[in-house]
Amino acid sequence: MKKIPFILFALLACLATMAQTTVQKFENYPQTIPASEYKFTMVPIKAGDFMMGSKATEAGRKTDEGPQKKITIAAFWMAETEVTRDEFDVYYRDASTSQNADLDAVTRPSAQYIDFSQGMGKEGGFPATSMSQYGALMYCRWLYNKTGIFYRLPGEAEWEYACKAGTTTAFYFGDDSTQLDKYAWYKNNSNNKFQKVKQKLPNAWGLYDMLGNVTEWTLDQYDEKMLYNLKDTTANPFAAPNKAKYPKSLRGGAYKDMAADERCAARIKSEPLWNRRDPQIPRSKWWITDAPFVGFRIIRPMEQPSKEAIEEFFKSYLGK
């Protein structure tokens, strides 16, 4: 496998030199979706160190979860829940954007050609699903343009740090998978459907559904040897985007997965099979027809990068 270089994006790792002054207190805050009745809660995640990956003795461990490395993470806010269908639909239906346009400042997804929820649930608190990483990041850019606040997907390291919430066990509640029913929707209790967000217990930092329900996109290009290539004490690592559509990294497991795949350190990579029934030629860059188990949640760096840095960030992932 070709080695994917790990970088610290300037706009993310050098916040001290690029950040704008901010008066936002580092505490929970509600973010309203502009021009709607919907809002979501952002939870502060303090800076710190953690052991990324799983212990060699952890039940269910896979080779891409090690060796463990000590990683330093900068402070950020993370959404309390996965982005819901209600929230995503405000973006999807925004008449001020141009459907299928590549030249305007903000675009919206092309029409959904099948019911991507597959009858599992839409409005009323169900997670938004079946969008590509591109689609999730376009939502982030739309939200930035509407609010002036830089929201994005978490990196794998950020996601795992927030998920573990200071723990060193397989799950954020311990090593006993029989307790998973209390914290996650997975194969044994989901009835093979995703469920409304925020029905299970949160982790110690107040984040819901970090395990189970829907698998969540991260920023990273998937690299099987990610941890092998990292050095101890690396700060805020990311696998840089490249031109390859696959594979990209996701985290958290889903409603269809067994307990072993719901562990905090478990890694998932995107696959072409997730879009095998896509009738479009070329395949849609927005939607994945056969992955109703895929969703996302967003984060906000504690310090906001400059406008130029934010634009460069989105360009590096979206190509525009």
Protein backbone atom coordinates (compact mmCIF):
# COMPACT_ATOMS: atom_id res chain seq x y z
CA MET A 1 0.00 0.00 0.00
CA LYS A 2 1.30 3.42 -0.92
CA LYS A 3 2.11 5.37 2.20
CA ILE A 4 -0.18 8.34 2.77
CA PRO A 5 1.78 11.24 4.23
CA PHE A 6 0.58 12.56 7.55
CA ILE A 7 0.48 16.31 7.85
CA LEU A 8 -0.60 18.90 10.30
CA PHE A 9 -2.71 21.20 8.19
CA ALA A 10 -1.44 24.72 8.75
CA LEU A 11 -4.91 26.01 9.32
CA LEU A 12 -5.58 23.38 11.97
CA ALA A 13 -2.23 22.94 13.74
CA CYS A 14 -0.97 26.51 13.65
CA LEU A 15 -4.05 28.18 15.05
CA ALA A 16 -1.94 30.52 17.14
CA THR A 17 -0.66 32.28 14.04
CA MET A 18 -3.78 32.15 11.90
CA ALA A 19 -6.65 32.34 14.37
CA GLN A 20 -9.00 35.23 14.60
CA THR A 21 -9.86 36.69 17.98
CA THR A 22 -12.85 34.88 19.48
CA VAL A 23 -15.05 35.73 22.44
CA GLN A 24 -16.88 32.41 22.50
CA LYS A 25 -16.69 30.90 25.97
CA PHE A 26 -15.43 27.33 26.00
CA GLU A 27 -18.64 25.71 27.17
CA ASN A 28 -21.75 24.05 25.76
CA TYR A 29 -23.63 26.29 23.35
CA PRO A 30 -26.64 25.92 21.03
CA GLN A 31 -26.22 26.54 17.30
CA THR A 32 -29.37 27.40 15.39
CA ILE A 33 -29.63 26.23 11.80
CA PRO A 34 -30.21 29.52 9.95
CA ALA A 35 -33.70 30.09 8.54
CA SER A 36 -35.12 27.17 10.50
CA GLU A 37 -36.50 26.09 13.86
CA TYR A 38 -33.73 23.56 14.35
CA LYS A 39 -30.67 23.81 16.55
CA PHE A 40 -28.01 21.50 17.89
CA THR A 41 -25.71 21.55 20.92
CA MET A 42 -21.94 21.86 20.67
CA VAL A 43 -19.94 20.25 23.52
CA PRO A 44 -16.47 21.50 24.52
CA ILE A 45 -13.67 18.93 24.26
CA LYS A 46 -10.62 20.09 26.20
CA ALA A 47 -7.11 19.70 24.80
CA GLY A 48 -5.12 16.73 26.03
CA ASP A 49 -3.15 13.56 25.31
CA PHE A 50 -4.43 10.03 24.83
CA MET A 51 -3.34 6.62 23.62
CA MET A 52 -4.71 6.24 20.12
CA GLY A 53 -5.48 2.73 18.92
CA SER A 54 -6.27 -0.44 20.84
CA LYS A 55 -4.23 -2.56 23.20
CA ALA A 56 -2.72 -5.70 21.69
CA THR A 57 -4.84 -7.76 24.11
CA GLU A 58 -8.17 -6.07 23.35
CA ALA A 59 -10.89 -8.49 22.23
CA GLY A 60 -11.89 -7.94 18.62
CA ARG A 61 -8.79 -5.91 17.82
CA LYS A 62 -7.70 -5.58 14.18
CA THR A 63 -4.21 -4.93 12.88
CA ASP A 64 -5.00 -1.39 11.65
CA GLU A 65 -5.66 -0.34 15.27
CA GLY A 66 -2.05 -0.41 16.34
CA PRO A 67 0.48 -0.06 17.61
CA GLN A 68 -0.89 2.41 20.14
CA LYS A 69 0.65 5.87 20.04
CA LYS A 70 0.43 8.82 22.40
CA ILE A 71 -1.30 11.63 20.54
CA THR A 72 -1.86 15.27 21.50
CA ILE A 73 -5.17 16.89 20.54
CA ALA A 74 -6.03 20.60 20.49
CA ALA A 75 -9.30 21.79 22.02
CA PHE A 76 -12.49 21.81 19.96
CA TRP A 77 -16.24 21.60 20.22
CA MET A 78 -18.06 18.53 18.96
CA ALA A 79 -21.75 18.18 18.13
CA GLU A 80 -23.63 16.40 20.89
CA THR A 81 -25.29 14.11 18.31
CA GLU A 82 -24.99 13.05 14.72
CA VAL A 83 -26.36 15.58 12.22
CA THR A 84 -30.07 14.87 11.91
CA ARG A 85 -32.15 14.58 8.78
CA ASP A 86 -34.11 17.67 9.88
CA GLU A 87 -30.93 19.74 10.07
CA PHE A 88 -29.47 18.43 6.82
CA ASP A 89 -32.73 19.04 4.96
CA VAL A 90 -32.52 22.78 5.65
CA TYR A 91 -29.33 22.75 3.59
CA TYR A 92 -30.75 20.35 1.01
CA ARG A 93 -33.80 22.54 0.41
CA ASP A 94 -32.04 25.91 0.52
CA ALA A 95 -33.40 27.77 -2.50
CA SER A 96 -30.45 30.18 -2.48
CA THR A 97 -28.09 27.50 -3.71
CA SER A 98 -27.92 26.04 -7.19
CA GLN A 99 -28.66 22.38 -7.60
CA ASN A 100 -25.93 20.45 -9.38
CA ALA A 101 -23.94 23.65 -10.03
CA ASP A 102 -20.16 23.45 -9.78
CA LEU A 103 -19.40 27.13 -10.29
CA ASP A 104 -21.28 28.91 -7.52
CA ALA A 105 -19.94 29.57 -4.03
CA VAL A 106 -22.19 27.06 -2.30
CA THR A 107 -23.98 24.11 -3.85
CA ARG A 108 -26.58 21.66 -2.65
CA PRO A 109 -26.91 17.95 -3.30
CA SER A 110 -28.47 16.58 -6.45
CA ALA A 111 -31.92 15.04 -6.12
CA GLN A 112 -32.17 11.74 -4.24
CA TYR A 113 -33.18 9.12 -6.77
CA ILE A 114 -34.28 6.56 -4.15
CA ASP A 115 -35.43 6.73 -0.53
CA PHE A 116 -32.04 6.64 1.14
CA SER A 117 -33.62 6.10 4.55
CA GLN A 118 -35.02 2.79 3.26
CA GLY A 119 -38.07 3.36 5.41
CA MET A 120 -36.14 3.55 8.70
CA GLY A 121 -37.04 7.15 9.52
CA LYS A 122 -36.54 10.72 8.34
CA GLU A 123 -37.89 13.76 10.19
CA GLY A 124 -38.17 14.03 13.94
CA GLY A 125 -34.62 13.33 15.06
CA PHE A 126 -33.34 10.51 12.87
CA PRO A 127 -29.75 10.87 11.64
CA ALA A 128 -29.01 12.12 8.16
CA THR A 129 -27.57 9.22 6.16
CA SER A 130 -26.26 8.04 2.82
CA MET A 131 -24.23 11.12 1.92
CA SER A 132 -20.63 10.88 0.71
CA GLN A 133 -17.77 12.50 2.59
CA TYR A 134 -17.97 15.20 -0.07
CA GLY A 135 -21.65 15.75 0.74
CA ALA A 136 -20.94 15.97 4.46
CA LEU A 137 -18.17 18.52 3.91
CA MET A 138 -20.38 20.56 1.59
CA TYR A 139 -22.90 20.77 4.43
CA CYS A 140 -20.08 22.06 6.65
CA ARG A 141 -19.16 24.70 4.11
CA TRP A 142 -22.79 25.75 3.73
CA LEU A 143 -23.08 26.06 7.52
CA TYR A 144 -19.91 28.15 7.63
CA ASN A 145 -21.26 30.48 4.94
CA LYS A 146 -24.54 30.84 6.81
CA THR A 147 -23.16 31.31 10.33
CA GLY A 148 -19.62 32.63 9.86
CA ILE A 149 -18.38 29.80 12.10
CA PHE A 150 -15.95 27.19 10.78
CA TYR A 151 -17.47 23.75 11.18
CA ARG A 152 -15.89 20.62 9.72
CA LEU A 153 -15.63 16.86 10.09
CA PRO A 154 -13.35 15.53 12.84
CA GLY A 155 -10.08 13.85 12.03
CA GLU A 156 -9.75 10.21 13.08
CA ALA A 157 -7.57 11.17 16.02
CA GLU A 158 -9.97 13.86 17.18
CA TRP A 159 -12.91 11.51 16.83
CA GLU A 160 -11.27 8.72 18.85
CA TYR A 161 -10.09 11.16 21.53
CA ALA A 162 -13.64 12.49 21.97
CA CYS A 163 -15.13 9.00 21.89
CA LYS A 164 -12.83 7.57 24.56
CA ALA A 165 -13.53 10.58 26.79
CA GLY A 166 -10.56 9.90 29.03
CA THR A 167 -10.99 6.13 29.21
CA THR A 168 -8.51 3.42 28.18
CA THR A 169 -11.02 0.58 27.74
CA ALA A 170 -12.52 -0.99 24.62
CA PHE A 171 -15.74 0.99 25.04
CA TYR A 172 -16.13 4.35 26.76
CA PHE A 173 -17.99 2.61 29.58
CA GLY A 174 -15.52 -0.24 30.12
CA ASP A 175 -14.59 -3.58 28.55
CA ASP A 176 -17.86 -5.44 29.17
CA SER A 177 -19.71 -5.58 25.86
CA THR A 178 -22.88 -6.80 27.58
CA GLN A 179 -23.35 -3.21 28.78
CA LEU A 180 -23.47 -1.90 25.21
CA ASP A 181 -27.27 -1.95 25.12
CA LYS A 182 -27.30 1.05 27.44
CA TYR A 183 -25.07 3.17 25.22
CA ALA A 184 -25.48 2.18 21.59
CA TRP A 185 -27.79 0.94 18.84
CA TYR A 186 -26.12 -2.11 17.31
CA LYS A 187 -27.03 -5.48 15.82
CA ASN A 188 -28.42 -6.97 19.03
CA ASN A 189 -30.91 -4.21 19.81
CA SER A 190 -31.55 -2.03 16.74
CA ASN A 191 -34.03 -4.26 14.86
CA ASN A 192 -31.72 -3.64 11.88
CA LYS A 193 -32.66 0.05 11.71
CA PHE A 194 -31.02 3.31 12.66
CA GLN A 195 -32.86 5.10 15.46
CA LYS A 196 -33.50 8.66 16.58
CA VAL A 197 -30.46 10.31 18.13
CA LYS A 198 -29.93 10.83 21.85
CA GLN A 199 -31.92 7.86 23.16
CA LYS A 200 -28.99 6.01 24.74
CA LEU A 201 -26.61 7.08 27.51
CA PRO A 202 -23.82 9.51 26.52
CA ASN A 203 -20.12 9.08 27.18
CA ALA A 204 -18.41 10.91 30.05
CA TRP A 205 -18.03 14.07 27.98
CA GLY A 206 -21.72 14.28 27.07
CA LEU A 207 -21.58 12.92 23.50
CA TYR A 208 -24.41 10.66 22.35
CA ASP A 209 -24.30 7.77 19.85
CA MET A 210 -20.55 7.90 19.35
CA LEU A 211 -20.82 4.12 19.11
CA GLY A 212 -23.50 2.56 16.97
CA ASN A 213 -26.55 4.02 15.22
CA VAL A 214 -24.72 5.31 12.11
CA THR A 215 -21.04 5.19 11.20
CA GLU A 216 -19.51 8.67 11.02
CA TRP A 217 -17.30 10.24 8.35
CA THR A 218 -13.93 11.65 9.34
CA LEU A 219 -11.54 13.89 7.40
CA ASP A 220 -8.92 11.23 6.82
CA GLN A 221 -7.97 9.25 3.79
CA TYR A 222 -7.82 5.69 5.13
CA ASP A 223 -4.33 4.32 5.71
CA GLU A 224 -4.07 0.79 7.10
CA LYS A 225 -0.69 1.66 8.64
CA MET A 226 -1.72 5.02 10.07
CA LEU A 227 -0.60 4.29 13.63
CA TYR A 228 2.50 2.43 12.50
CA ASN A 229 3.60 5.54 10.61
CA LEU A 230 2.87 7.98 13.44
CA LYS A 231 5.38 8.98 16.09
CA ASP A 232 4.58 9.26 19.77
CA THR A 233 3.55 12.77 20.85
CA THR A 234 2.34 13.66 17.36
CA ALA A 235 -0.09 16.58 17.56
CA ASN A 236 -3.39 16.63 15.67
CA PRO A 237 -2.48 14.14 12.91
CA PHE A 238 -4.46 13.91 9.69
CA ALA A 239 -4.12 11.69 6.63
CA ALA A 240 -4.07 14.20 3.82
CA PRO A 241 -6.79 14.00 1.16
CA ASN A 242 -5.74 12.71 -2.22
CA LYS A 243 -7.44 12.19 -5.57
CA ALA A 244 -8.56 8.66 -4.74
CA LYS A 245 -12.28 8.39 -4.02
CA TYR A 246 -11.66 5.27 -1.92
CA PRO A 247 -10.94 4.43 0.78
CA LYS A 248 -11.76 7.16 3.29
CA SER A 249 -12.03 6.68 7.05
CA LEU A 250 -15.14 6.42 9.18
CA ARG A 251 -15.64 5.68 12.86
CA GLY A 252 -18.15 4.48 15.42
CA GLY A 253 -19.82 1.39 14.01
CA ALA A 254 -23.51 1.25 13.11
CA TYR A 255 -26.86 -0.28 13.89
CA LYS A 256 -26.03 -3.36 11.82
CA ASP A 257 -22.68 -4.16 13.45
CA MET A 258 -21.65 -6.60 16.14
CA ALA A 259 -20.30 -5.36 19.49
CA ALA A 260 -16.66 -5.93 18.47
CA ASP A 261 -17.09 -3.37 15.67
CA GLU A 262 -18.48 -0.77 18.07
CA ARG A 263 -15.23 -0.35 20.04
CA CYS A 264 -13.74 3.15 20.34
CA ALA A 265 -10.59 2.24 18.38
CA ALA A 266 -12.35 0.25 15.63
CA ARG A 267 -11.72 1.71 12.16
CA ILE A 268 -13.89 1.55 9.05
CA LYS A 269 -12.94 2.30 5.44
CA SER A 270 -15.32 3.29 2.67
CA GLU A 271 -15.93 0.85 -0.19
CA PRO A 272 -17.14 1.14 -3.81
CA LEU A 273 -19.85 -1.45 -3.03
CA TRP A 274 -21.60 1.20 -0.97
CA ASN A 275 -22.63 2.83 -4.26
CA ARG A 276 -23.19 -0.20 -6.45
CA ARG A 277 -26.81 0.65 -7.35
CA ASP A 278 -26.13 4.27 -8.25
CA PRO A 279 -27.82 4.81 -11.65
CA GLN A 280 -25.76 7.89 -12.46
CA ILE A 281 -22.78 7.82 -14.82
CA PRO A 282 -20.34 8.82 -13.47
CA ARG A 283 -21.27 7.75 -9.94
CA SER A 284 -22.76 10.45 -7.76
CA LYS A 285 -20.28 12.51 -5.72
CA TRP A 286 -23.09 13.35 -3.29
CA TRP A 287 -24.87 10.12 -2.41
CA ILE A 288 -24.12 6.48 -1.59
CA THR A 289 -27.07 4.31 -2.48
CA ASP A 290 -26.22 1.26 -0.39
CA ALA A 291 -24.92 2.77 2.83
CA PRO A 292 -27.89 3.90 4.93
CA PHE A 293 -25.62 3.14 7.88
CA VAL A 294 -23.34 6.13 7.10
CA GLY A 295 -23.82 9.58 8.65
CA PHE A 296 -21.67 12.27 10.26
CA ARG A 297 -21.24 14.74 13.09
CA ILE A 298 -19.35 18.00 13.06
CA ILE A 299 -16.74 19.79 15.15
CA ARG A 300 -15.54 23.36 15.56
CA PRO A 301 -11.93 24.22 16.47
CA MET A 302 -11.70 26.27 19.66
CA GLU A 303 -9.91 29.00 17.70
CA GLN A 304 -11.34 30.02 14.35
CA PRO A 305 -8.84 30.01 11.47
CA SER A 306 -8.65 33.00 9.14
CA LYS A 307 -11.04 33.29 6.22
CA GLU A 308 -8.20 32.50 3.82
CA ALA A 309 -7.23 29.38 5.75
CA ILE A 310 -10.84 28.17 5.85
CA GLU A 311 -11.21 28.64 2.11
CA GLU A 312 -7.98 26.74 1.52
CA PHE A 313 -9.20 23.93 3.76
CA PHE A 314 -12.42 23.44 1.81
CA LYS A 315 -10.56 23.72 -1.48
CA SER A 316 -8.17 20.96 -0.42
CA TYR A 317 -11.09 18.58 0.17
CA LEU A 318 -13.72 19.77 -2.28
CA GLY A 319 -11.50 20.95 -5.10
CA LYS A 320 -13.13 24.38 -5.16
